[in-house]
């Protein structure tokens, strides 16, 4: 992760655990059976190997940073930040976990959960995109505000959100690690869903780099659809007649054919135009 982004995220997250006395609370040991995961957790995939490594560390050194939880009904607590530590603590056989208990509004809960995951361990890009989308939809955030809160550039946020428009088959390939976030960004710039899927399959099958996929996608864009044939211009005398009909009736009209055979189509869009045509016809002798 770029250093500038780490600093931006670090300030937002570290401030949650520093100076807990300002919150009027302290670290508490809470029974692990009374703690529930967050159903709105941005991260949906937790690698078993990563959890196992953290569990080994916890057996040796304990939990070095408390979880952040909010109280819920029935004397239970819901995790806002620290689900990896929660899972690893269970795997390590702990009975309690150190927690900071704080009433936090829903918007701040979502911010903290997303920021923590972006800083602690790289999120699946689609998980990050969904987390950002949730912030925008549920909290009324603009891309600019999300960028400022998460310490990401606005183009980076926009690129993540564009991934959500990819076909399901493509998103599954990204989720499963067959394609990277870089591949997904390239594919998001392709407008046709069928082309997106075809290029995704090709990139995965051939092991394309992001640069190779960019070149392939650019070549696909250059293959333009055949131009529609232009309508042949009508002879000058017919064009003059077309204009005369417009002047006399006040109606748009289309004249096709030639001086021997053709068709005239009059167009009206209001009742007044139709009545005007009727008046013009009344002036023609029977």
Protein backbone atom coordinates (compact mmCIF):
# COMPACT_ATOMS: atom_id res chain seq x y z
CA UNK A 1 0.00 0.00 0.00
CA UNK A 2 1.45 3.45 -0.90
CA UNK A 3 2.93 5.27 2.08
CA UNK A 4 0.65 8.31 1.67
CA UNK A 5 -2.44 6.11 1.79
CA UNK A 6 -1.14 4.24 4.81
CA UNK A 7 -0.66 7.51 6.66
CA UNK A 8 -4.15 8.70 5.76
CA UNK A 9 -5.72 5.48 6.93
CA UNK A 10 -3.44 5.18 9.93
CA UNK A 11 -4.50 8.49 11.43
CA UNK A 12 -8.15 7.55 11.12
CA UNK A 13 -7.76 4.11 12.70
CA UNK A 14 -5.07 4.74 15.31
CA UNK A 15 -7.12 7.58 16.76
CA UNK A 16 -9.80 5.05 17.63
CA UNK A 17 -7.50 3.21 20.01
CA UNK A 18 -5.49 6.11 21.41
CA UNK A 19 -6.65 8.07 24.43
CA UNK A 20 -9.55 5.80 25.31
CA UNK A 21 -10.10 7.80 28.47
CA UNK A 22 -11.54 10.53 26.24
CA UNK A 23 -14.34 8.13 25.44
CA UNK A 24 -15.13 7.69 29.09
CA UNK A 25 -14.36 3.99 28.88
CA UNK A 26 -11.46 1.54 29.10
CA UNK A 27 -10.42 -1.82 27.77
CA UNK A 28 -12.65 -4.63 29.05
CA UNK A 29 -12.25 -8.40 28.90
CA UNK A 30 -15.43 -9.76 27.34
CA UNK A 31 -16.40 -13.42 27.03
CA UNK A 32 -15.84 -14.50 23.45
CA UNK A 33 -19.27 -16.18 23.45
CA UNK A 34 -20.92 -12.80 24.00
CA UNK A 35 -19.32 -11.24 20.92
CA UNK A 36 -20.95 -11.38 17.49
CA UNK A 37 -19.38 -10.66 14.09
CA UNK A 38 -20.64 -7.67 12.13
CA UNK A 39 -23.08 -8.82 9.40
CA UNK A 40 -22.15 -5.68 7.40
CA UNK A 41 -18.43 -6.43 7.60
CA UNK A 42 -16.87 -5.36 4.27
CA UNK A 43 -14.58 -8.39 4.24
CA UNK A 44 -16.47 -11.54 3.31
CA UNK A 45 -13.45 -13.79 2.79
CA UNK A 46 -10.97 -14.65 5.55
CA UNK A 47 -8.03 -16.81 4.51
CA UNK A 48 -7.62 -19.83 6.77
CA UNK A 49 -3.82 -19.59 6.57
CA UNK A 50 -3.87 -15.95 7.70
CA UNK A 51 -6.18 -16.71 10.64
CA UNK A 52 -4.03 -19.69 11.65
CA UNK A 53 -0.86 -17.55 11.65
CA UNK A 54 -2.54 -14.88 13.76
CA UNK A 55 -3.81 -17.56 16.16
CA UNK A 56 -0.24 -18.82 16.64
CA UNK A 57 0.89 -15.25 17.38
CA UNK A 58 -1.93 -14.80 19.90
CA UNK A 59 -0.95 -18.02 21.72
CA UNK A 60 2.57 -16.64 22.07
CA UNK A 61 1.93 -12.98 22.79
CA UNK A 62 -1.79 -12.60 23.45
CA UNK A 63 -4.07 -10.09 21.71
CA UNK A 64 -1.96 -6.94 21.37
CA UNK A 65 -4.75 -4.62 20.22
CA UNK A 66 -8.30 -4.61 21.57
CA UNK A 67 -11.38 -5.13 19.46
CA UNK A 68 -13.78 -2.24 19.00
CA UNK A 69 -17.35 -3.32 19.78
CA UNK A 70 -20.77 -1.76 20.28
CA UNK A 71 -23.30 -3.04 22.83
CA UNK A 72 -26.41 -4.72 21.44
CA UNK A 73 -29.54 -6.21 22.99
CA UNK A 74 -29.38 -9.06 25.48
CA UNK A 75 -26.03 -8.05 26.91
CA UNK A 76 -24.18 -8.92 23.71
CA UNK A 77 -21.63 -7.01 21.65
CA UNK A 78 -21.09 -6.58 17.91
CA UNK A 79 -17.66 -6.20 16.36
CA UNK A 80 -16.91 -2.97 14.54
CA UNK A 81 -13.15 -3.49 14.15
CA UNK A 82 -11.17 -6.65 14.87
CA UNK A 83 -12.98 -9.60 13.32
CA UNK A 84 -9.68 -11.23 12.29
CA UNK A 85 -8.53 -11.04 15.92
CA UNK A 86 -11.89 -12.46 17.01
CA UNK A 87 -11.63 -15.42 14.64
CA UNK A 88 -7.99 -16.03 15.55
CA UNK A 89 -8.79 -15.74 19.26
CA UNK A 90 -11.43 -18.43 18.93
CA UNK A 91 -9.00 -20.60 16.99
CA UNK A 92 -6.42 -20.07 19.75
CA UNK A 93 -8.92 -21.24 22.37
CA UNK A 94 -9.29 -17.94 24.24
CA UNK A 95 -12.26 -17.51 26.56
CA UNK A 96 -12.20 -13.70 26.60
CA UNK A 97 -10.99 -10.92 24.34
CA UNK A 98 -9.86 -7.37 25.21
CA UNK A 99 -12.42 -4.90 23.88
CA UNK A 100 -13.18 -1.20 23.80
CA UNK A 101 -16.93 -0.77 24.20
CA UNK A 102 -18.37 2.34 22.63
CA UNK A 103 -21.76 3.51 21.36
CA UNK A 104 -21.06 4.61 17.78
CA UNK A 105 -23.56 5.73 15.17
CA UNK A 106 -24.11 3.51 12.15
CA UNK A 107 -22.26 5.80 9.74
CA UNK A 108 -19.13 5.84 11.89
CA UNK A 109 -19.36 2.07 12.35
CA UNK A 110 -19.25 1.57 8.59
CA UNK A 111 -16.34 3.97 8.22
CA UNK A 112 -14.30 2.25 10.92
CA UNK A 113 -14.96 -1.26 9.57
CA UNK A 114 -13.92 -0.25 6.06
CA UNK A 115 -10.87 1.74 7.15
CA UNK A 116 -9.63 -1.08 9.37
CA UNK A 117 -9.84 -3.64 6.62
CA UNK A 118 -8.18 -1.38 4.07
CA UNK A 119 -5.27 -0.82 6.44
CA UNK A 120 -4.83 -4.20 8.10
CA UNK A 121 -4.93 -6.54 5.14
CA UNK A 122 -5.68 -5.87 1.47
CA UNK A 123 -9.35 -6.34 0.81
CA UNK A 124 -10.61 -8.17 -2.22
CA UNK A 125 -11.15 -5.19 -4.59
CA UNK A 126 -14.81 -6.08 -4.99
CA UNK A 127 -15.28 -6.16 -1.21
CA UNK A 128 -13.67 -2.73 -0.99
CA UNK A 129 -15.92 -1.46 -3.78
CA UNK A 130 -19.04 -2.78 -2.06
CA UNK A 131 -17.97 -1.21 1.22
CA UNK A 132 -17.47 2.16 -0.48
CA UNK A 133 -20.79 1.83 -2.28
CA UNK A 134 -22.51 1.14 1.05
CA UNK A 135 -20.95 4.27 2.56
CA UNK A 136 -22.26 6.34 -0.35
CA UNK A 137 -25.74 4.82 -0.42
CA UNK A 138 -26.43 4.57 3.30
CA UNK A 139 -24.52 7.62 4.48
CA UNK A 140 -25.12 9.95 1.56
CA UNK A 141 -21.38 10.33 0.89
CA UNK A 142 -20.04 11.69 -2.38
CA UNK A 143 -16.96 10.19 -4.01
CA UNK A 144 -15.01 13.22 -2.82
CA UNK A 145 -16.01 12.65 0.80
CA UNK A 146 -15.28 8.93 0.63
CA UNK A 147 -11.85 9.78 -0.82
CA UNK A 148 -11.10 12.16 2.03
CA UNK A 149 -12.33 9.80 4.75
CA UNK A 150 -10.43 6.76 3.45
CA UNK A 151 -7.24 8.53 2.38
CA UNK A 152 -7.67 7.40 -1.21
CA UNK A 153 -7.60 9.49 -4.37
CA UNK A 154 -10.90 10.17 -6.09
CA UNK A 155 -9.84 8.29 -9.27
CA UNK A 156 -8.97 5.26 -7.12
CA UNK A 157 -12.43 5.34 -5.56
CA UNK A 158 -14.08 5.78 -8.96
CA UNK A 159 -12.11 2.83 -10.39
CA UNK A 160 -13.20 0.59 -7.53
CA UNK A 161 -16.85 1.51 -8.00
CA UNK A 162 -16.67 0.83 -11.73
CA UNK A 163 -15.83 -2.79 -10.95
CA UNK A 164 -19.34 -3.29 -9.58
CA UNK A 165 -20.74 -2.92 -13.10
CA UNK A 166 -18.76 -5.92 -14.39
CA UNK A 167 -20.67 -9.10 -15.39
CA UNK A 168 -21.04 -11.69 -12.63
CA UNK A 169 -18.70 -14.17 -14.33
CA UNK A 170 -15.96 -11.53 -14.39
CA UNK A 171 -16.46 -10.53 -10.75
CA UNK A 172 -16.23 -14.19 -9.73
CA UNK A 173 -12.88 -14.45 -11.52
CA UNK A 174 -11.63 -11.41 -9.60
CA UNK A 175 -12.99 -12.77 -6.32
CA UNK A 176 -11.34 -16.15 -6.93
CA UNK A 177 -8.00 -14.53 -7.74
CA UNK A 178 -7.96 -15.52 -11.42
CA UNK A 179 -7.83 -11.80 -12.28
CA UNK A 180 -6.35 -8.91 -10.32
CA UNK A 181 -7.82 -5.53 -9.48
CA UNK A 182 -5.72 -4.13 -12.33
CA UNK A 183 -7.36 -6.52 -14.80
CA UNK A 184 -10.78 -5.55 -13.44
CA UNK A 185 -10.06 -1.83 -13.94
CA UNK A 186 -9.16 -2.46 -17.57
CA UNK A 187 -12.29 -4.52 -18.16
CA UNK A 188 -14.46 -1.88 -16.49
CA UNK A 189 -13.39 0.50 -19.24
CA UNK A 190 -14.91 -1.79 -21.88
CA UNK A 191 -18.55 -0.93 -22.54
CA UNK A 192 -19.90 -4.18 -23.98
CA UNK A 193 -20.60 -6.89 -21.32
CA UNK A 194 -20.03 -9.71 -23.80
CA UNK A 195 -16.66 -8.25 -24.74
CA UNK A 196 -15.79 -7.83 -21.05
CA UNK A 197 -16.50 -11.51 -20.40
CA UNK A 198 -14.64 -12.66 -23.50
CA UNK A 199 -11.57 -10.60 -22.63
CA UNK A 200 -11.68 -11.79 -19.01
CA UNK A 201 -11.69 -15.43 -20.08
CA UNK A 202 -8.87 -14.79 -22.53
CA UNK A 203 -6.79 -12.97 -19.90
CA UNK A 204 -7.26 -15.78 -17.37
CA UNK A 205 -6.61 -18.58 -19.88
CA UNK A 206 -3.50 -16.97 -21.34
CA UNK A 207 -2.17 -15.55 -18.07
CA UNK A 208 -2.13 -12.03 -19.48
CA UNK A 209 -0.50 -9.21 -17.57
CA UNK A 210 -2.51 -6.05 -17.01
CA UNK A 211 -0.52 -4.30 -19.76
CA UNK A 212 -1.20 -7.13 -22.21
CA UNK A 213 -4.91 -6.96 -21.42
CA UNK A 214 -4.86 -3.18 -21.96
CA UNK A 215 -3.43 -3.69 -25.45
CA UNK A 216 -5.94 -6.43 -26.27
CA UNK A 217 -8.85 -4.31 -25.00
CA UNK A 218 -7.64 -1.30 -27.00
CA UNK A 219 -7.48 -3.43 -30.15
CA UNK A 220 -11.04 -4.63 -29.52
CA UNK A 221 -12.27 -1.03 -29.23
CA UNK A 222 -10.70 -0.14 -32.58
CA UNK A 223 -12.83 -2.74 -34.35
CA UNK A 224 -15.71 -0.40 -35.10
CA UNK A 225 -19.07 -1.57 -36.30
CA UNK A 226 -19.58 -1.09 -40.06
CA UNK A 227 -20.93 2.36 -40.81
CA UNK A 228 -24.58 2.57 -41.76
CA UNK A 229 -25.06 3.44 -45.42
CA UNK A 230 -26.06 7.05 -45.95
CA UNK A 231 -29.42 7.77 -47.45
CA UNK A 232 -29.15 8.83 -51.05
CA UNK A 233 -29.90 12.52 -51.61
CA UNK A 234 -33.15 13.17 -53.43
CA UNK A 235 -33.14 15.06 -56.74
CA UNK A 236 -33.15 18.85 -56.53
CA UNK A 237 -36.70 19.21 -57.87
CA UNK A 238 -38.03 16.84 -55.22
CA UNK A 239 -36.12 18.66 -52.49
CA UNK A 240 -37.79 21.89 -53.70
CA UNK A 241 -41.19 20.18 -53.51
CA UNK A 242 -40.46 18.95 -50.00
CA UNK A 243 -39.71 22.49 -48.87
CA UNK A 244 -42.87 23.81 -50.56
CA UNK A 245 -45.00 21.25 -48.67
CA UNK A 246 -43.41 22.36 -45.43
CA UNK A 247 -44.09 26.02 -46.18
CA UNK A 248 -47.73 25.41 -47.16
CA UNK A 249 -48.67 22.99 -44.39
CA UNK A 250 -46.21 23.92 -41.66
CA UNK A 251 -45.47 20.20 -41.24
CA UNK A 252 -42.28 18.24 -41.35
CA UNK A 253 -42.33 15.79 -44.22
CA UNK A 254 -40.25 13.06 -45.77
CA UNK A 255 -40.14 12.54 -49.51
CA UNK A 256 -38.52 9.41 -50.95
CA UNK A 257 -38.33 8.05 -54.47
CA UNK A 258 -37.84 9.81 -57.78
CA UNK A 259 -39.83 11.97 -60.21
CA UNK A 260 -41.73 8.93 -61.47
CA UNK A 261 -42.57 7.10 -58.26
CA UNK A 262 -42.17 7.74 -54.54
CA UNK A 263 -43.78 8.45 -51.20
CA UNK A 264 -44.56 11.56 -49.13
CA UNK A 265 -44.99 11.21 -45.36
CA UNK A 266 -46.37 14.16 -43.37
CA UNK A 267 -45.63 14.41 -39.63
CA UNK A 268 -47.67 16.27 -37.01
CA UNK A 269 -47.06 16.40 -33.28
CA UNK A 270 -49.92 18.58 -32.01
CA UNK A 271 -53.66 18.91 -32.54
CA UNK A 272 -53.09 22.41 -33.87
CA UNK A 273 -50.80 21.10 -36.62
CA UNK A 274 -53.43 18.56 -37.63
CA UNK A 275 -56.12 21.25 -37.73
CA UNK A 276 -53.80 23.44 -39.81
CA UNK A 277 -53.43 20.60 -42.34
CA UNK A 278 -57.20 20.23 -42.48
CA UNK A 279 -57.56 23.95 -43.22
CA UNK A 280 -55.01 23.71 -46.03
CA UNK A 281 -56.87 20.77 -47.56
CA UNK A 282 -60.15 22.73 -47.42
CA UNK A 283 -58.57 25.38 -49.63
CA UNK A 284 -57.93 22.84 -52.40
CA UNK A 285 -60.77 22.80 -54.94
CA UNK A 286 -62.62 19.49 -55.24
